[in-house]
Amino acid sequence: MGTGIPEKYDTVTAENLDSIIQEEIGLVFAQVLEDAGVYKRTAEGQAAFDRFLRHCGAEI
């Protein structure tokens, strides 16, 4: 059972592996929050999620 990560990125190298892992963790985290009902996929939920990301230091 594969993760699909190699197919998703053109090149996976030692230099970009950390950023790929960070991106994939973020995608899983966002899905968990959505599934838990913390942030709904509505305009209001997206705005709340954006505030949360900015609070965590993300530049969005």
Protein backbone atom coordinates (compact mmCIF):
# COMPACT_ATOMS: atom_id res chain seq x y z
CA MET A 1 0.00 0.00 0.00
CA GLY A 2 1.61 3.24 -1.16
CA THR A 3 1.18 6.74 0.17
CA GLY A 4 0.99 8.41 -3.23
CA ILE A 5 3.60 10.96 -2.17
CA PRO A 6 6.22 10.05 -4.83
CA GLU A 7 3.57 10.31 -7.56
CA LYS A 8 2.35 13.65 -6.22
CA TYR A 9 5.71 15.44 -6.48
CA ASP A 10 7.88 15.71 -9.58
CA THR A 11 11.10 15.22 -7.66
CA VAL A 12 11.72 14.01 -4.12
CA THR A 13 15.24 14.75 -2.94
CA ALA A 14 17.07 15.19 0.32
CA GLU A 15 16.86 18.96 -0.25
CA ASN A 16 13.07 19.14 -0.57
CA LEU A 17 12.04 16.24 1.63
CA ASP A 18 11.44 18.39 4.73
CA SER A 19 9.12 20.76 2.86
CA ILE A 20 7.23 17.83 1.31
CA ILE A 21 6.76 16.22 4.72
CA GLN A 22 5.63 19.54 6.21
CA GLU A 23 3.12 20.01 3.38
CA GLU A 24 1.73 16.48 3.75
CA ILE A 25 1.40 16.79 7.54
CA GLY A 26 -0.47 20.06 7.03
CA LEU A 27 -2.87 18.42 4.59
CA VAL A 28 -3.58 15.56 7.00
CA PHE A 29 -4.02 18.00 9.90
CA ALA A 30 -6.47 20.10 7.91
CA GLN A 31 -8.46 16.98 7.00
CA VAL A 32 -8.57 15.88 10.65
CA LEU A 33 -9.88 19.28 11.73
CA GLU A 34 -12.50 19.23 9.01
CA ASP A 35 -13.58 15.67 9.82
CA ALA A 36 -13.80 16.54 13.52
CA GLY A 37 -16.16 19.38 12.67
CA VAL A 38 -13.80 22.01 14.02
CA TYR A 39 -13.70 23.94 10.74
CA LYS A 40 -16.51 23.41 8.27
CA ARG A 41 -15.99 23.83 4.52
CA THR A 42 -18.02 27.02 4.44
CA ALA A 43 -16.94 30.64 4.08
CA GLU A 44 -17.26 31.08 7.84
CA GLY A 45 -15.30 27.91 8.57
CA GLN A 46 -12.57 28.88 6.09
CA ALA A 47 -12.26 32.31 7.70
CA ALA A 48 -11.91 30.70 11.14
CA PHE A 49 -9.31 28.26 9.81
CA ASP A 50 -7.35 31.14 8.25
CA ARG A 51 -7.35 32.96 11.60
CA PHE A 52 -6.07 29.78 13.26
CA LEU A 53 -3.27 29.42 10.69
CA ARG A 54 -2.24 33.06 11.11
CA HIS A 55 -2.20 32.56 14.89
CA CYS A 56 0.19 29.62 14.32
CA GLY A 57 2.46 31.86 12.27
CA ALA A 58 1.42 30.82 8.78
CA GLU A 59 1.65 33.41 6.06
CA ILE A 60 -1.57 33.09 4.11
